[in-house]
Amino acid sequence: MKKILVVCGNGLGSSFMVEMNVKSILKELNIEAEVDHTDLTTSKSENADYYLGSTEIVENLEDGKRNVIKLNNLMDKNELRTALEANLKGE
C-alpha cells in the first residue's frame, strides 16, 4: 500500500486538515493509501511514497528521489483532487 505524508511547517492543524481531505478524496477515487501528517523537519527522515504540501514547504524535501506533490493552496480541494489523480491513478 502506498504511503502519503502531508507536510506543513509545524505539523499541526493545517496538515491534519489536509490529511482528512486526502483521505476523503482517495475514498471517492477508490484508491487505497496510508495517509499521515507531520512537520517539515520530521518529514526529512520519514519514508513515504509521496510527500504532499505547499510549494514553499515541500521544495525543501526534493532530493531527486522523492515523489513530491506541490500544491499552491493546501485548502483547495479541487487542486488537491487533481494532484492526487495525476499522481496516483493506476497505482
Protein backbone atom coordinates (compact mmCIF):
# COMPACT_ATOMS: atom_id res chain seq x y z
CA MET A 1 0.00 0.00 0.00
CA LYS A 2 1.28 3.46 -0.89
CA LYS A 3 2.06 5.96 1.86
CA ILE A 4 1.31 9.66 1.52
CA LEU A 5 2.84 12.08 4.00
CA VAL A 6 1.22 15.52 4.31
CA VAL A 7 3.87 18.04 5.32
CA CYS A 8 3.49 21.52 6.77
CA GLY A 9 5.72 23.94 8.60
CA ASN A 10 4.83 22.87 12.13
CA GLY A 11 2.88 19.64 11.53
CA LEU A 12 -0.23 20.60 13.42
CA GLY A 13 -3.59 21.99 12.28
CA SER A 14 -3.26 22.58 8.57
CA SER A 15 -1.55 19.29 7.76
CA PHE A 16 -4.15 17.38 9.80
CA MET A 17 -6.98 19.06 7.87
CA VAL A 18 -5.27 18.28 4.57
CA GLU A 19 -4.76 14.67 5.72
CA MET A 20 -8.54 14.39 6.29
CA ASN A 21 -9.21 15.89 2.84
CA VAL A 22 -6.74 13.48 1.20
CA LYS A 23 -8.41 10.50 2.87
CA SER A 24 -11.83 11.69 1.74
CA ILE A 25 -10.74 12.24 -1.86
CA LEU A 26 -8.89 8.91 -2.05
CA LYS A 27 -12.03 7.16 -0.81
CA GLU A 28 -14.08 8.86 -3.55
CA LEU A 29 -11.47 7.83 -6.13
CA ASN A 30 -11.42 4.29 -4.72
CA ILE A 31 -7.66 4.46 -4.13
CA GLU A 32 -6.19 2.82 -1.03
CA ALA A 33 -3.26 4.52 0.66
CA GLU A 34 -1.89 5.13 4.12
CA VAL A 35 -2.05 8.86 4.89
CA ASP A 36 -0.27 10.65 7.73
CA HIS A 37 0.85 14.20 8.54
CA THR A 38 3.98 15.69 10.03
CA ASP A 39 6.16 18.77 10.22
CA LEU A 40 8.91 19.61 7.73
CA THR A 41 11.82 18.69 10.00
CA THR A 42 10.44 15.25 10.86
CA SER A 43 9.42 14.56 7.25
CA LYS A 44 13.03 14.68 6.10
CA SER A 45 13.69 11.42 7.93
CA GLU A 46 10.32 9.77 7.23
CA ASN A 47 9.82 7.27 4.43
CA ALA A 48 6.79 7.73 2.18
CA ASP A 49 5.85 7.08 -1.43
CA TYR A 50 4.54 10.64 -1.82
CA TYR A 51 5.20 13.85 0.10
CA LEU A 52 2.42 16.41 -0.24
CA GLY A 53 2.49 20.02 0.86
CA SER A 54 2.57 23.65 -0.16
CA THR A 55 5.13 24.63 -2.78
CA GLU A 56 7.36 26.61 -0.40
CA ILE A 57 7.48 23.77 2.16
CA VAL A 58 7.97 20.68 0.02
CA GLU A 59 10.67 22.25 -2.15
CA ASN A 60 12.88 21.59 0.88
CA LEU A 61 12.18 17.84 0.54
CA GLU A 62 13.18 17.41 -3.08
CA ASP A 63 16.30 15.32 -3.43
CA GLY A 64 15.75 13.81 -6.87
CA LYS A 65 14.46 10.55 -5.40
CA ARG A 66 11.27 11.56 -3.61
CA ASN A 67 7.86 11.90 -5.23
CA VAL A 68 6.89 15.38 -4.12
CA ILE A 69 3.40 16.73 -4.80
CA LYS A 70 3.33 20.52 -4.61
CA LEU A 71 0.14 22.47 -4.02
CA ASN A 72 -0.34 26.21 -4.38
CA ASN A 73 -3.24 26.19 -1.92
CA LEU A 74 -3.42 23.36 0.62
CA MET A 75 -7.07 24.11 1.39
CA ASP A 76 -8.22 23.96 -2.26
CA LYS A 77 -9.93 20.56 -2.53
CA ASN A 78 -10.15 20.79 -6.33
CA GLU A 79 -6.40 21.34 -6.65
CA LEU A 80 -5.81 18.52 -4.17
CA ARG A 81 -8.08 16.13 -6.11
CA THR A 82 -6.37 16.99 -9.41
CA ALA A 83 -2.91 16.46 -7.90
CA LEU A 84 -3.87 13.12 -6.33
CA GLU A 85 -5.48 11.87 -9.53
CA ALA A 86 -2.45 12.87 -11.59
CA ASN A 87 -0.02 11.12 -9.28
CA LEU A 88 -1.96 8.10 -8.05
CA LYS A 89 -4.19 6.98 -10.93
CA GLY A 90 -3.27 3.46 -11.89
CA GLU A 91 -1.45 2.77 -8.63
